[in-house]
């Protein structure tokens, strides 16, 4: 399963107009990152999610 790339409609503070689509949530971004890594590291989804969480929290693996 491959995650579809996320598209951003605007950058924060770039315009006073509302975005045409809602910004992706943290959960959506996390799933996209973990899904992309898991597509290379097969069968280790739990380890991939833990590694992504550690990296995002500026922790150590």
PDB file of N, CA and C in Angstrom:
ATOM      1  N   UNK A   1       0.846  -1.174   0.000  1.00  0.00           N
ATOM      2  CA  UNK A   1       0.000   0.000   0.000  1.00  0.00           C
ATOM      3  C   UNK A   1       0.890   1.235   0.000  1.00  0.00           C
ATOM      4  N   UNK A   2       0.643   2.120  -0.908  1.00  0.00           N
ATOM      5  CA  UNK A   2       1.431   3.334  -1.031  1.00  0.00           C
ATOM      6  C   UNK A   2       0.571   4.538  -0.689  1.00  0.00           C
ATOM      7  N   UNK A   3       1.111   5.397   0.139  1.00  0.00           N
ATOM      8  CA  UNK A   3       0.380   6.608   0.518  1.00  0.00           C
ATOM      9  C   UNK A   3       0.459   7.620  -0.615  1.00  0.00           C
ATOM     10  N   UNK A   4      -0.639   8.281  -0.868  1.00  0.00           N
ATOM     11  CA  UNK A   4      -0.668   9.322  -1.892  1.00  0.00           C
ATOM     12  C   UNK A   4       0.058  10.555  -1.374  1.00  0.00           C
ATOM     13  N   UNK A   5       0.800  11.244  -2.231  1.00  0.00           N
ATOM     14  CA  UNK A   5       1.490  12.452  -1.773  1.00  0.00           C
ATOM     15  C   UNK A   5       0.492  13.524  -1.352  1.00  0.00           C
ATOM     16  N   UNK A   6       0.843  14.247  -0.316  1.00  0.00           N
ATOM     17  CA  UNK A   6      -0.024  15.312   0.179  1.00  0.00           C
ATOM     18  C   UNK A   6       0.287  16.603  -0.562  1.00  0.00           C
ATOM     19  N   UNK A   7      -0.749  17.363  -0.840  1.00  0.00           N
ATOM     20  CA  UNK A   7      -0.580  18.649  -1.501  1.00  0.00           C
ATOM     21  C   UNK A   7      -1.013  19.755  -0.552  1.00  0.00           C
ATOM     22  N   UNK A   8      -0.217  20.804  -0.461  1.00  0.00           N
ATOM     23  CA  UNK A   8      -0.539  21.935   0.386  1.00  0.00           C
ATOM     24  C   UNK A   8      -1.084  23.052  -0.491  1.00  0.00           C
ATOM     25  N   UNK A   9      -2.170  23.668  -0.029  1.00  0.00           N
ATOM     26  CA  UNK A   9      -2.798  24.712  -0.831  1.00  0.00           C
ATOM     27  C   UNK A   9      -2.203  26.085  -0.566  1.00  0.00           C
ATOM     28  N   UNK A  10      -1.673  26.311   0.623  1.00  0.00           N
ATOM     29  CA  UNK A  10      -1.079  27.606   0.928  1.00  0.00           C
ATOM     30  C   UNK A  10      -0.130  27.449   2.100  1.00  0.00           C
ATOM     31  N   UNK A  11       0.707  28.455   2.276  1.00  0.00           N
ATOM     32  CA  UNK A  11       1.597  28.456   3.424  1.00  0.00           C
ATOM     33  C   UNK A  11       0.981  29.328   4.500  1.00  0.00           C
ATOM     34  N   UNK A  12       1.255  29.037   5.767  1.00  0.00           N
ATOM     35  CA  UNK A  12       0.672  29.843   6.844  1.00  0.00           C
ATOM     36  C   UNK A  12       1.041  31.309   6.697  1.00  0.00           C
ATOM     37  N   UNK A  13       0.055  32.171   6.828  1.00  0.00           N
ATOM     38  CA  UNK A  13       0.288  33.603   6.779  1.00  0.00           C
ATOM     39  C   UNK A  13       0.492  34.172   5.390  1.00  0.00           C
ATOM     40  N   UNK A  14       0.349  33.345   4.345  1.00  0.00           N
ATOM     41  CA  UNK A  14       0.608  33.846   3.000  1.00  0.00           C
ATOM     42  C   UNK A  14      -0.573  34.600   2.412  1.00  0.00           C
ATOM     43  N   UNK A  15      -1.770  34.355   2.927  1.00  0.00           N
ATOM     44  CA  UNK A  15      -2.954  34.979   2.355  1.00  0.00           C
ATOM     45  C   UNK A  15      -4.046  35.018   3.401  1.00  0.00           C
ATOM     46  N   UNK A  16      -4.938  35.994   3.269  1.00  0.00           N
ATOM     47  CA  UNK A  16      -6.062  36.056   4.197  1.00  0.00           C
ATOM     48  C   UNK A  16      -7.229  35.206   3.711  1.00  0.00           C
ATOM     49  N   UNK A  17      -7.133  34.674   2.482  1.00  0.00           N
ATOM     50  CA  UNK A  17      -8.191  33.828   1.948  1.00  0.00           C
ATOM     51  C   UNK A  17      -8.091  32.431   2.550  1.00  0.00           C
ATOM     52  N   UNK A  18      -9.242  31.815   2.854  1.00  0.00           N
ATOM     53  CA  UNK A  18      -9.193  30.448   3.369  1.00  0.00           C
ATOM     54  C   UNK A  18      -8.737  29.483   2.279  1.00  0.00           C
ATOM     55  N   UNK A  19      -8.067  28.421   2.684  1.00  0.00           N
ATOM     56  CA  UNK A  19      -7.603  27.414   1.739  1.00  0.00           C
ATOM     57  C   UNK A  19      -8.802  26.682   1.151  1.00  0.00           C
ATOM     58  N   UNK A  20      -8.665  26.238  -0.081  1.00  0.00           N
ATOM     59  CA  UNK A  20      -9.771  25.527  -0.717  1.00  0.00           C
ATOM     60  C   UNK A  20      -9.961  24.146  -0.106  1.00  0.00           C
ATOM     61  N   UNK A  21      -8.898  23.572   0.443  1.00  0.00           N
ATOM     62  CA  UNK A  21      -8.969  22.289   1.132  1.00  0.00           C
ATOM     63  C   UNK A  21      -8.391  22.469   2.528  1.00  0.00           C
ATOM     64  N   UNK A  22      -8.884  21.702   3.486  1.00  0.00           N
ATOM     65  CA  UNK A  22      -8.320  21.823   4.830  1.00  0.00           C
ATOM     66  C   UNK A  22      -6.876  21.322   4.856  1.00  0.00           C
ATOM     67  N   UNK A  23      -6.085  21.890   5.736  1.00  0.00           N
ATOM     68  CA  UNK A  23      -4.707  21.452   5.894  1.00  0.00           C
ATOM     69  C   UNK A  23      -4.686  20.032   6.434  1.00  0.00           C
ATOM     70  N   UNK A  24      -3.681  19.256   6.040  1.00  0.00           N
ATOM     71  CA  UNK A  24      -3.598  17.897   6.574  1.00  0.00           C
ATOM     72  C   UNK A  24      -3.333  17.932   8.077  1.00  0.00           C
ATOM     73  N   UNK A  25      -3.904  16.990   8.776  1.00  0.00           N
ATOM     74  CA  UNK A  25      -3.702  16.908  10.215  1.00  0.00           C
ATOM     75  C   UNK A  25      -2.379  16.217  10.508  1.00  0.00           C
ATOM     76  N   UNK A  26      -1.954  16.279  11.763  1.00  0.00           N
ATOM     77  CA  UNK A  26      -0.733  15.584  12.154  1.00  0.00           C
ATOM     78  C   UNK A  26      -0.849  14.100  11.856  1.00  0.00           C
ATOM     79  N   UNK A  27      -2.009  13.513  12.147  1.00  0.00           N
ATOM     80  CA  UNK A  27      -2.202  12.075  11.909  1.00  0.00           C
ATOM     81  C   UNK A  27      -2.051  11.738  10.428  1.00  0.00           C
ATOM     82  N   UNK A  28      -2.574  12.597   9.552  1.00  0.00           N
ATOM     83  CA  UNK A  28      -2.444  12.355   8.116  1.00  0.00           C
ATOM     84  C   UNK A  28      -0.985  12.451   7.674  1.00  0.00           C
ATOM     85  N   UNK A  29      -0.276  13.451   8.172  1.00  0.00           N
ATOM     86  CA  UNK A  29       1.137  13.600   7.827  1.00  0.00           C
ATOM     87  C   UNK A  29       1.960  12.436   8.370  1.00  0.00           C
ATOM     88  N   UNK A  30       1.678  12.040   9.613  1.00  0.00           N
ATOM     89  CA  UNK A  30       2.392  10.917  10.216  1.00  0.00           C
ATOM     90  C   UNK A  30       2.164   9.649   9.404  1.00  0.00           C
ATOM     91  N   UNK A  31       0.909   9.372   9.040  1.00  0.00           N
ATOM     92  CA  UNK A  31       0.598   8.180   8.247  1.00  0.00           C
ATOM     93  C   UNK A  31       1.280   8.223   6.882  1.00  0.00           C
ATOM     94  N   UNK A  32       1.359   9.401   6.287  1.00  0.00           N
ATOM     95  CA  UNK A  32       2.022   9.530   4.990  1.00  0.00           C
ATOM     96  C   UNK A  32       3.514   9.236   5.102  1.00  0.00           C
ATOM     97  N   UNK A  33       4.161   9.786   6.127  1.00  0.00           N
ATOM     98  CA  UNK A  33       5.594   9.548   6.326  1.00  0.00           C
ATOM     99  C   UNK A  33       5.846   8.082   6.633  1.00  0.00           C
ATOM    100  N   UNK A  34       5.110   7.536   7.605  1.00  0.00           N
ATOM    101  CA  UNK A  34       5.297   6.138   7.992  1.00  0.00           C
ATOM    102  C   UNK A  34       4.978   5.208   6.822  1.00  0.00           C
ATOM    103  N   UNK A  35       3.962   5.531   6.043  1.00  0.00           N
ATOM    104  CA  UNK A  35       3.609   4.706   4.889  1.00  0.00           C
ATOM    105  C   UNK A  35       4.695   4.692   3.834  1.00  0.00           C
ATOM    106  N   UNK A  36       5.300   5.853   3.589  1.00  0.00           N
ATOM    107  CA  UNK A  36       6.390   5.915   2.611  1.00  0.00           C
ATOM    108  C   UNK A  36       7.594   5.108   3.071  1.00  0.00           C
ATOM    109  N   UNK A  37       7.955   5.211   4.339  1.00  0.00           N
ATOM    110  CA  UNK A  37       9.084   4.443   4.860  1.00  0.00           C
ATOM    111  C   UNK A  37       8.745   2.955   4.874  1.00  0.00           C
ATOM    112  N   UNK A  38       7.525   2.609   5.285  1.00  0.00           N
ATOM    113  CA  UNK A  38       7.110   1.206   5.350  1.00  0.00           C
ATOM    114  C   UNK A  38       7.054   0.563   3.968  1.00  0.00           C
ATOM    115  N   UNK A  39       6.929   1.362   2.917  1.00  0.00           N
ATOM    116  CA  UNK A  39       6.925   0.784   1.572  1.00  0.00           C
ATOM    117  C   UNK A  39       8.304   0.244   1.194  1.00  0.00           C
ATOM    118  N   UNK A  40       9.332   0.692   1.888  1.00  0.00           N
ATOM    119  CA  UNK A  40      10.688   0.203   1.656  1.00  0.00           C
ATOM    120  C   UNK A  40      11.060  -0.856   2.686  1.00  0.00           C
ATOM    121  N   UNK A  41      10.640  -0.663   3.925  1.00  0.00           N
ATOM    122  CA  UNK A  41      10.937  -1.592   5.017  1.00  0.00           C
ATOM    123  C   UNK A  41       9.692  -2.460   5.217  1.00  0.00           C
ATOM    124  N   UNK A  42       9.601  -3.558   4.494  1.00  0.00           N
ATOM    125  CA  UNK A  42       8.409  -4.402   4.500  1.00  0.00           C
ATOM    126  C   UNK A  42       8.284  -5.205   5.789  1.00  0.00           C
ATOM    127  N   UNK A  43       7.062  -5.294   6.319  1.00  0.00           N
ATOM    128  CA  UNK A  43       6.766  -6.134   7.470  1.00  0.00           C
ATOM    129  C   UNK A  43       7.183  -5.568   8.812  1.00  0.00           C
ATOM    130  N   UNK A  44       7.562  -4.328   8.870  1.00  0.00           N
ATOM    131  CA  UNK A  44       8.037  -3.721  10.120  1.00  0.00           C
ATOM    132  C   UNK A  44       7.300  -2.424  10.415  1.00  0.00           C
ATOM    133  N   UNK A  45       5.993  -2.395  10.176  1.00  0.00           N
ATOM    134  CA  UNK A  45       5.220  -1.154  10.338  1.00  0.00           C
ATOM    135  C   UNK A  45       5.332  -0.598  11.758  1.00  0.00           C
ATOM    136  N   UNK A  46       5.259  -1.468  12.782  1.00  0.00           N
ATOM    137  CA  UNK A  46       5.357  -0.984  14.166  1.00  0.00           C
ATOM    138  C   UNK A  46       6.707  -0.325  14.428  1.00  0.00           C
ATOM    139  N   UNK A  47       7.780  -0.948  13.941  1.00  0.00           N
ATOM    140  CA  UNK A  47       9.116  -0.381  14.134  1.00  0.00           C
ATOM    141  C   UNK A  47       9.262   0.936  13.376  1.00  0.00           C
ATOM    142  N   UNK A  48       8.686   1.008  12.188  1.00  0.00           N
ATOM    143  CA  UNK A  48       8.738   2.240  11.393  1.00  0.00           C
ATOM    144  C   UNK A  48       8.002   3.362  12.115  1.00  0.00           C
ATOM    145  N   UNK A  49       6.810   3.079  12.637  1.00  0.00           N
ATOM    146  CA  UNK A  49       6.039   4.103  13.354  1.00  0.00           C
ATOM    147  C   UNK A  49       6.794   4.587  14.590  1.00  0.00           C
ATOM    148  N   UNK A  50       7.417   3.660  15.324  1.00  0.00           N
ATOM    149  CA  UNK A  50       8.194   4.049  16.502  1.00  0.00           C
ATOM    150  C   UNK A  50       9.379   4.925  16.100  1.00  0.00           C
ATOM    151  N   UNK A  51      10.056   4.560  15.019  1.00  0.00           N
ATOM    152  CA  UNK A  51      11.199   5.346  14.554  1.00  0.00           C
ATOM    153  C   UNK A  51      10.768   6.749  14.129  1.00  0.00           C
ATOM    154  N   UNK A  52       9.645   6.856  13.424  1.00  0.00           N
ATOM    155  CA  UNK A  52       9.150   8.172  12.993  1.00  0.00           C
ATOM    156  C   UNK A  52       8.766   9.013  14.207  1.00  0.00           C
ATOM    157  N   UNK A  53       8.113   8.390  15.197  1.00  0.00           N
ATOM    158  CA  UNK A  53       7.755   9.130  16.418  1.00  0.00           C
ATOM    159  C   UNK A  53       8.997   9.656  17.122  1.00  0.00           C
ATOM    160  N   UNK A  54      10.034   8.820  17.222  1.00  0.00           N
ATOM    161  CA  UNK A  54      11.277   9.250  17.873  1.00  0.00           C
ATOM    162  C   UNK A  54      11.922  10.405  17.114  1.00  0.00           C
ATOM    163  N   UNK A  55      11.951  10.313  15.798  1.00  0.00           N
ATOM    164  CA  UNK A  55      12.554  11.380  15.000  1.00  0.00           C
ATOM    165  C   UNK A  55      11.785  12.689  15.127  1.00  0.00           C
ATOM    166  N   UNK A  56      10.462  12.610  15.113  1.00  0.00           N
ATOM    167  CA  UNK A  56       9.653  13.822  15.237  1.00  0.00           C
ATOM    168  C   UNK A  56       9.768  14.448  16.625  1.00  0.00           C
ATOM    169  N   UNK A  57      10.016  13.617  17.631  1.00  0.00           N
ATOM    170  CA  UNK A  57      10.163  14.114  18.996  1.00  0.00           C
ATOM    171  C   UNK A  57      11.607  14.503  19.303  1.00  0.00           C
ATOM    172  N   UNK A  58      12.452  14.496  18.274  1.00  0.00           N
ATOM    173  CA  UNK A  58      13.874  14.815  18.410  1.00  0.00           C
ATOM    174  C   UNK A  58      14.561  13.904  19.418  1.00  0.00           C
ATOM    175  N   UNK A  59      14.116  12.648  19.453  1.00  0.00           N
ATOM    176  CA  UNK A  59      14.701  11.658  20.352  1.00  0.00           C
ATOM    177  C   UNK A  59      15.749  10.826  19.646  1.00  0.00           C
ATOM    178  N   UNK A  60      16.168   9.796  20.327  1.00  0.00           N
ATOM    179  CA  UNK A  60      17.188   8.901  19.790  1.00  0.00           C
ATOM    180  C   UNK A  60      16.574   7.538  19.539  1.00  0.00           C
ATOM    181  N   UNK A  61      17.063   6.864  18.514  1.00  0.00           N
ATOM    182  CA  UNK A  61      16.604   5.511  18.213  1.00  0.00           C
ATOM    183  C   UNK A  61      17.457   4.496  18.932  1.00  0.00           C
TER     184      UNK A  61
END
